[in-house]
Amino acid sequence: MRSWMLIPIVGLVAAVSAQTAQPRPVEQISKSSPAPRVSSQFEAEVSHLNTGGLKLKETLEASLEAGGTHLAAIFQREKPANPSEGFEFRIIENVSGVSKTIFRRTEFVFSFPTQGELARLNGTDINGDGIKEIIVQSSSGGNCWSCNPTEIYQVRNHKAQLIAACPLQRLADLNGDGIAELLVIDARWEVYGDLSHAAAPSATIIYAWQGGRYVNASRDFPAFYKSEVERLRTELTEASAGITADEFSDESYVGRAIALALTYVHMGDPERGLKELATLMNSNARSDAQAKKRATIIEDFRKGESAKTLRELKYGDPMQLQ
C-alpha cells in the first residue's frame, strides 16, 4: 500500500500582480513558438539562462511581497544529460533593479494551470490570510493520482514556502465564507489489492486553512459528504448490474464499496463505514472466489493494515507536505 506522500513530488511557483484581483493569463509556448516576453527588469537574467541551454516555456510576473517584483518561470532543457533535468522551475526576484533566482527546482515536468477553477483562482488570496497563493502542477509521467500532485506556495521573506501538496480534485468554497477549501483525493488506497486503477477506491478529504496551515476539516462539511454518499450508492447500483461469475467482474463494485466506507470515515462515522462495507461485501457475490476476496477485505479494514491506516489520519491533522 502506498500513500501519495511516499512518491516524489515536484513543484513550481507562479506569481501574480498584487495590484490586480485576477491573475494575468499564463504565457505558454510550444517548441515552434517564440519564448514568452518578460519585463525588461528580468531580460538579462532570462537571457543568461537561455545561453545555458534553458528555453523559456511559461511565465507569470507579479509582486508577491513588498519591496520586490517577481518572475515565476518554467524552462525546458533540450536533450538533458539527466532526464530529471528536462524541466526547470525558477522564481526570480528583482529588488532595487537587481534580479536573482530565489527558488529553483528541476525534477519531472512542471506547468501552470491554464483552465478551470485552478487557473481562475491562481494568484488570488485563496485561504484569506492576506497573502496571494500560487498554484502549480507537476508530473512524474505516471498514470496515477499520486504521480501528478498540485502544490500551493506562498512567498515570504524572499523564500517560497510550500503550504499544500496533494492529488487535488478541486478548490471549492463549501461553506460560503469566501475562502476555498481543498478537496483532495485520499490516494492511500490507489493501489489497493489487485484492483485495476479504474476501479481503485477513492474518497475525498477536505482541508481548510486554520492557524496558518491546511488541516483535515472533513467533519465540518456534512452536506458535501451526504452528496458523496448518494453519488456512490448510485454507482454501486450500476456496478452491481455488471457482476458475473468472472473473478474480476466485481472490481468496480468493490472499489465503490470501499470508497463509500472511506467517505463515512472522513465524515466522522467510521463504525457506519465499516458496517456498510461488510453489508456490501456480503452482497452480490457471484462466485466463491469473489466471496473469499471480499472476506479478506472486510478483515483487512477491521483488523489489518487498512484498519491501521484509517486511524493514522485524524480530524484536525495538518496536511503532510513531505
Protein backbone atom coordinates (compact mmCIF):
# COMPACT_ATOMS: atom_id res chain seq x y z
CA MET A 1 0.00 0.00 0.00
CA ARG A 2 1.33 3.40 -0.88
CA SER A 3 0.29 6.90 0.00
CA TRP A 4 0.88 9.84 -2.29
CA MET A 5 3.26 11.26 0.30
CA LEU A 6 5.69 8.43 -0.49
CA ILE A 7 6.01 9.39 -4.14
CA PRO A 8 8.50 12.17 -5.01
CA ILE A 9 6.56 15.32 -5.68
CA VAL A 10 7.75 18.25 -7.63
CA GLY A 11 6.60 21.81 -7.76
CA LEU A 12 6.95 25.20 -9.19
CA VAL A 13 5.98 28.65 -8.09
CA ALA A 14 3.84 31.08 -10.12
CA ALA A 15 3.34 34.74 -9.31
CA VAL A 16 0.74 37.38 -9.99
CA SER A 17 0.43 41.11 -9.55
CA ALA A 18 -0.50 42.30 -6.08
CA GLN A 19 -2.36 45.20 -7.63
CA THR A 20 -4.91 43.13 -9.57
CA ALA A 21 -7.76 40.98 -8.32
CA GLN A 22 -7.35 38.40 -11.07
CA PRO A 23 -4.10 36.77 -12.24
CA ARG A 24 -2.69 37.62 -15.64
CA PRO A 25 -3.11 34.68 -18.07
CA VAL A 26 -0.11 32.40 -18.11
CA GLU A 27 2.02 32.72 -21.23
CA GLN A 28 2.95 29.43 -22.85
CA ILE A 29 4.91 28.33 -25.88
CA SER A 30 5.39 25.24 -27.97
CA LYS A 31 8.73 24.23 -29.40
CA SER A 32 7.99 26.26 -32.53
CA SER A 33 6.67 29.32 -30.70
CA PRO A 34 8.72 32.31 -29.64
CA ALA A 35 9.57 32.47 -25.96
CA PRO A 36 7.15 34.44 -23.77
CA ARG A 37 8.17 38.05 -23.34
CA VAL A 38 9.22 39.24 -19.91
CA SER A 39 9.61 42.70 -18.39
CA SER A 40 12.89 44.49 -19.01
CA GLN A 41 13.99 44.02 -15.42
CA PHE A 42 14.15 40.24 -15.96
CA GLU A 43 15.52 40.17 -19.51
CA ALA A 44 19.19 39.92 -18.59
CA GLU A 45 18.66 37.01 -16.19
CA VAL A 46 16.46 35.11 -18.65
CA SER A 47 18.97 35.70 -21.44
CA HIS A 48 21.75 34.36 -19.23
CA LEU A 49 19.77 31.21 -18.50
CA ASN A 50 18.94 30.84 -22.18
CA THR A 51 22.61 30.79 -23.11
CA GLY A 52 22.99 27.97 -20.60
CA GLY A 53 20.55 25.82 -22.58
CA LEU A 54 17.28 26.68 -20.84
CA LYS A 55 14.39 27.68 -23.10
CA LEU A 56 11.65 29.75 -21.51
CA LYS A 57 8.36 27.81 -21.66
CA GLU A 58 5.84 29.52 -19.32
CA THR A 59 5.94 32.71 -17.29
CA LEU A 60 3.98 34.72 -14.80
CA GLU A 61 5.08 38.08 -13.36
CA ALA A 62 3.99 39.55 -10.04
CA SER A 63 4.76 41.46 -6.90
CA LEU A 64 4.47 38.73 -4.31
CA GLU A 65 5.63 40.73 -1.33
CA ALA A 66 6.52 44.32 -0.61
CA GLY A 67 9.83 45.60 -1.90
CA GLY A 68 10.23 43.42 -4.96
CA THR A 69 8.77 42.11 -8.19
CA HIS A 70 8.91 38.52 -9.30
CA LEU A 71 9.05 36.34 -12.37
CA ALA A 72 7.88 32.75 -12.00
CA ALA A 73 9.17 30.81 -14.98
CA ILE A 74 9.29 27.29 -16.30
CA PHE A 75 12.23 26.46 -18.53
CA GLN A 76 12.80 23.44 -20.73
CA ARG A 77 16.21 21.98 -21.46
CA GLU A 78 16.51 20.15 -24.76
CA LYS A 79 18.41 16.85 -24.69
CA PRO A 80 19.32 16.96 -20.98
CA ALA A 81 22.07 14.63 -19.80
CA ASN A 82 19.83 13.68 -16.89
CA PRO A 83 16.15 13.10 -17.75
CA SER A 84 15.12 14.63 -14.42
CA GLU A 85 16.59 17.95 -15.58
CA GLY A 86 14.44 18.29 -18.69
CA PHE A 87 12.36 20.97 -16.99
CA GLU A 88 13.40 23.61 -14.52
CA PHE A 89 11.33 25.96 -12.46
CA ARG A 90 12.69 29.22 -11.12
CA ILE A 91 11.26 32.16 -9.30
CA ILE A 92 13.32 35.24 -9.94
CA GLU A 93 13.09 38.29 -7.71
CA ASN A 94 14.01 41.85 -8.63
CA VAL A 95 14.83 44.23 -5.79
CA SER A 96 16.21 47.70 -6.48
CA GLY A 97 16.98 46.76 -10.08
CA VAL A 98 18.90 43.59 -9.23
CA SER A 99 17.42 40.26 -10.30
CA LYS A 100 18.33 36.89 -8.85
CA THR A 101 16.84 33.42 -8.53
CA ILE A 102 15.36 32.78 -5.09
CA PHE A 103 13.83 29.37 -5.87
CA ARG A 104 14.87 26.60 -8.26
CA ARG A 105 13.69 23.06 -8.86
CA THR A 106 14.47 20.54 -11.59
CA GLU A 107 12.51 17.33 -11.02
CA PHE A 108 9.99 15.96 -13.53
CA VAL A 109 7.59 18.11 -15.60
CA PHE A 110 6.17 21.44 -14.45
CA SER A 111 3.21 23.50 -15.65
CA PHE A 112 0.92 26.28 -14.52
CA PRO A 113 -2.82 25.55 -14.52
CA THR A 114 -4.39 27.21 -17.54
CA GLN A 115 -8.03 26.14 -17.41
CA GLY A 116 -10.91 25.94 -14.98
CA GLU A 117 -11.09 26.96 -11.35
CA LEU A 118 -7.42 26.40 -10.60
CA ALA A 119 -6.41 28.84 -13.32
CA ARG A 120 -9.04 31.38 -12.24
CA LEU A 121 -8.00 31.27 -8.59
CA ASN A 122 -4.28 31.06 -9.19
CA GLY A 123 -2.61 34.14 -7.80
CA THR A 124 -5.52 35.16 -5.57
CA ASP A 125 -5.72 35.00 -1.79
CA ILE A 126 -7.23 31.53 -1.64
CA ASN A 127 -7.10 30.99 2.12
CA GLY A 128 -7.94 34.50 3.37
CA ASP A 129 -4.66 35.17 5.15
CA GLY A 130 -3.91 38.33 3.16
CA ILE A 131 -1.21 36.71 1.03
CA LYS A 132 -1.75 35.53 -2.52
CA GLU A 133 -1.23 31.85 -3.15
CA ILE A 134 0.49 30.22 -6.10
CA ILE A 135 -0.99 27.06 -7.62
CA VAL A 136 1.39 24.87 -9.58
CA GLN A 137 1.23 21.40 -11.10
CA SER A 138 3.85 18.74 -11.58
CA SER A 139 4.06 15.29 -13.06
CA SER A 140 6.40 12.33 -12.91
CA GLY A 141 4.75 10.95 -16.04
CA GLY A 142 2.97 8.10 -14.28
CA ASN A 143 -0.71 7.25 -14.63
CA CYS A 144 -1.72 7.67 -11.02
CA TRP A 145 -3.26 10.30 -8.76
CA SER A 146 -0.11 10.46 -6.68
CA CYS A 147 2.10 10.96 -9.72
CA ASN A 148 0.53 14.31 -10.60
CA PRO A 149 0.23 16.42 -7.46
CA THR A 150 -0.86 20.02 -7.25
CA GLU A 151 1.20 22.26 -4.99
CA ILE A 152 0.39 25.62 -3.46
CA TYR A 153 3.05 28.12 -2.46
CA GLN A 154 3.40 31.46 -0.77
CA VAL A 155 6.43 33.74 -0.87
CA ARG A 156 7.56 35.17 2.46
CA ASN A 157 10.83 36.84 3.32
CA HIS A 158 12.20 36.20 -0.18
CA LYS A 159 11.59 32.45 0.09
CA ALA A 160 8.98 30.17 -1.46
CA GLN A 161 7.04 28.26 1.18
CA LEU A 162 5.09 25.12 0.35
CA ILE A 163 1.72 25.17 2.12
CA ALA A 164 -0.04 22.33 0.28
CA ALA A 165 0.96 19.34 -1.84
CA CYS A 166 -1.66 16.79 -2.78
CA PRO A 167 -3.62 15.00 -5.51
CA LEU A 168 -6.07 17.88 -5.66
CA GLN A 169 -9.52 17.32 -7.14
CA ARG A 170 -10.62 20.93 -7.00
CA LEU A 171 -10.90 24.10 -4.94
CA ALA A 172 -14.34 25.00 -3.66
CA ASP A 173 -15.89 27.35 -1.13
CA LEU A 174 -18.08 24.76 0.57
CA ASN A 175 -19.47 26.90 3.40
CA GLY A 176 -19.90 30.22 1.60
CA ASP A 177 -17.39 32.18 3.67
CA GLY A 178 -15.44 33.33 0.62
CA ILE A 179 -12.49 31.04 1.33
CA ALA A 180 -11.86 27.98 -0.80
CA GLU A 181 -11.30 24.59 0.75
CA LEU A 182 -9.05 21.96 -0.82
CA LEU A 183 -10.85 18.82 -1.99
CA VAL A 184 -8.16 16.15 -2.04
CA ILE A 185 -8.25 12.56 -3.25
CA ASP A 186 -7.48 10.08 -0.48
CA ALA A 187 -4.93 8.21 -2.56
CA ARG A 188 -3.81 5.81 0.16
CA TRP A 189 -5.83 3.01 -1.44
CA GLU A 190 -4.92 3.84 -5.02
CA VAL A 191 -3.10 0.54 -5.45
CA TYR A 192 -5.22 -1.48 -3.05
CA GLY A 193 -5.13 -5.24 -3.60
CA ASP A 194 -5.27 -6.22 -7.23
CA LEU A 195 -7.97 -3.78 -8.26
CA SER A 196 -7.40 -2.02 -11.56
CA HIS A 197 -6.67 1.68 -11.47
CA ALA A 198 -10.09 2.44 -12.94
CA ALA A 199 -11.72 0.60 -10.04
CA ALA A 200 -9.41 1.94 -7.33
CA PRO A 201 -11.34 3.18 -4.28
CA SER A 202 -11.23 6.94 -3.92
CA ALA A 203 -12.75 9.28 -1.41
CA THR A 204 -12.34 12.98 -0.71
CA ILE A 205 -10.54 14.60 2.21
CA ILE A 206 -11.35 18.26 2.83
CA TYR A 207 -8.57 20.54 4.03
CA ALA A 208 -9.25 24.02 5.38
CA TRP A 209 -6.84 26.81 6.27
CA GLN A 210 -6.60 27.11 10.04
CA GLY A 211 -3.85 28.58 12.20
CA GLY A 212 -1.50 29.21 9.30
CA ARG A 213 -1.71 25.76 7.71
CA TYR A 214 -4.08 23.41 5.93
CA VAL A 215 -5.70 20.88 8.27
CA ASN A 216 -8.12 18.00 7.85
CA ALA A 217 -11.55 19.59 8.35
CA SER A 218 -13.67 16.92 6.68
CA ARG A 219 -16.15 16.58 9.56
CA ASP A 220 -17.12 20.23 9.20
CA PHE A 221 -18.78 19.65 5.82
CA PRO A 222 -21.57 17.05 6.27
CA ALA A 223 -23.61 18.34 3.33
CA PHE A 224 -20.76 17.62 0.94
CA TYR A 225 -20.36 14.08 2.22
CA LYS A 226 -24.08 13.43 2.10
CA SER A 227 -23.99 14.17 -1.62
CA GLU A 228 -20.94 11.91 -2.00
CA VAL A 229 -22.77 9.05 -0.27
CA GLU A 230 -25.71 9.46 -2.64
CA ARG A 231 -23.41 9.51 -5.67
CA LEU A 232 -21.56 6.39 -4.57
CA ARG A 233 -24.78 4.50 -3.87
CA THR A 234 -25.92 5.23 -7.40
CA GLU A 235 -22.62 3.99 -8.80
CA LEU A 236 -22.82 0.86 -6.64
CA THR A 237 -26.23 0.04 -8.06
CA GLU A 238 -24.91 0.44 -11.59
CA ALA A 239 -21.77 -1.59 -10.84
CA SER A 240 -23.73 -4.47 -9.27
CA ALA A 241 -25.62 -4.98 -12.52
CA GLY A 242 -22.39 -5.93 -14.27
CA ILE A 243 -21.22 -8.61 -11.82
CA THR A 244 -20.92 -12.13 -13.23
CA ALA A 245 -19.10 -15.25 -12.10
CA ASP A 246 -15.94 -13.88 -13.72
CA GLU A 247 -13.45 -13.25 -10.91
CA PHE A 248 -12.77 -9.61 -11.77
CA SER A 249 -16.23 -8.54 -12.91
CA ASP A 250 -16.98 -7.03 -9.49
CA GLU A 251 -13.92 -4.75 -9.37
CA SER A 252 -15.90 -1.55 -9.82
CA TYR A 253 -18.44 -2.65 -7.22
CA VAL A 254 -15.72 -3.49 -4.67
CA GLY A 255 -13.88 -0.23 -5.31
CA ARG A 256 -17.03 1.84 -4.85
CA ALA A 257 -17.94 -0.07 -1.69
CA ILE A 258 -14.56 0.74 -0.17
CA ALA A 259 -14.90 4.36 -1.28
CA LEU A 260 -18.28 4.56 0.47
CA ALA A 261 -16.76 3.22 3.67
CA LEU A 262 -13.91 5.75 3.45
CA THR A 263 -16.43 8.54 2.89
CA TYR A 264 -18.20 7.68 6.13
CA VAL A 265 -14.84 7.60 7.91
CA HIS A 266 -13.95 11.08 6.67
CA MET A 267 -17.31 12.48 7.73
CA GLY A 268 -16.65 11.19 11.25
CA ASP A 269 -18.64 7.94 11.34
CA PRO A 270 -16.15 5.07 10.93
CA GLU A 271 -18.46 2.50 12.54
CA ARG A 272 -21.12 3.22 9.94
CA GLY A 273 -18.48 2.95 7.25
CA LEU A 274 -17.30 -0.50 8.35
CA LYS A 275 -20.88 -1.71 8.73
CA GLU A 276 -21.75 -0.53 5.23
CA LEU A 277 -18.60 -2.15 3.87
CA ALA A 278 -19.45 -5.52 5.43
CA THR A 279 -23.03 -5.39 4.13
CA LEU A 280 -21.91 -4.53 0.60
CA MET A 281 -19.08 -7.07 0.53
CA ASN A 282 -21.50 -9.80 1.62
CA SER A 283 -23.91 -8.93 -1.18
CA ASN A 284 -23.91 -9.63 -4.92
CA ALA A 285 -21.02 -12.11 -4.95
CA ARG A 286 -21.36 -14.44 -7.94
CA SER A 287 -18.55 -16.88 -7.20
CA ASP A 288 -16.63 -18.41 -4.31
CA ALA A 289 -13.51 -16.54 -5.45
CA GLN A 290 -15.31 -13.20 -5.20
CA ALA A 291 -16.73 -14.05 -1.77
CA LYS A 292 -13.32 -15.14 -0.48
CA LYS A 293 -11.61 -11.99 -1.72
CA ARG A 294 -14.27 -9.79 -0.15
CA ALA A 295 -13.98 -11.56 3.18
CA THR A 296 -10.28 -10.73 3.16
CA ILE A 297 -11.08 -7.08 2.50
CA ILE A 298 -13.54 -6.93 5.40
CA GLU A 299 -10.97 -8.43 7.75
CA ASP A 300 -8.30 -6.03 6.50
CA PHE A 301 -10.45 -2.99 7.23
CA ARG A 302 -11.47 -4.35 10.63
CA LYS A 303 -8.13 -5.56 11.98
CA GLY A 304 -5.48 -5.42 9.26
CA GLU A 305 -3.20 -2.87 7.64
CA SER A 306 -6.10 -0.81 6.29
CA ALA A 307 -7.61 -0.54 9.77
CA LYS A 308 -4.29 0.87 10.97
CA THR A 309 -4.11 3.25 8.02
CA LEU A 310 -7.60 4.56 8.74
CA ARG A 311 -6.56 5.52 12.27
CA GLU A 312 -3.46 7.37 11.09
CA LEU A 313 -5.40 10.28 9.56
CA LYS A 314 -7.31 12.28 12.14
CA TYR A 315 -9.60 15.28 12.13
CA GLY A 316 -7.51 18.42 12.68
CA ASP A 317 -4.26 16.87 11.45
CA PRO A 318 -2.16 19.20 9.25
CA MET A 319 -1.55 18.20 5.67
CA GLN A 320 1.66 16.24 5.29
CA LEU A 321 3.99 18.03 2.90
CA GLN A 322 6.83 15.52 2.62
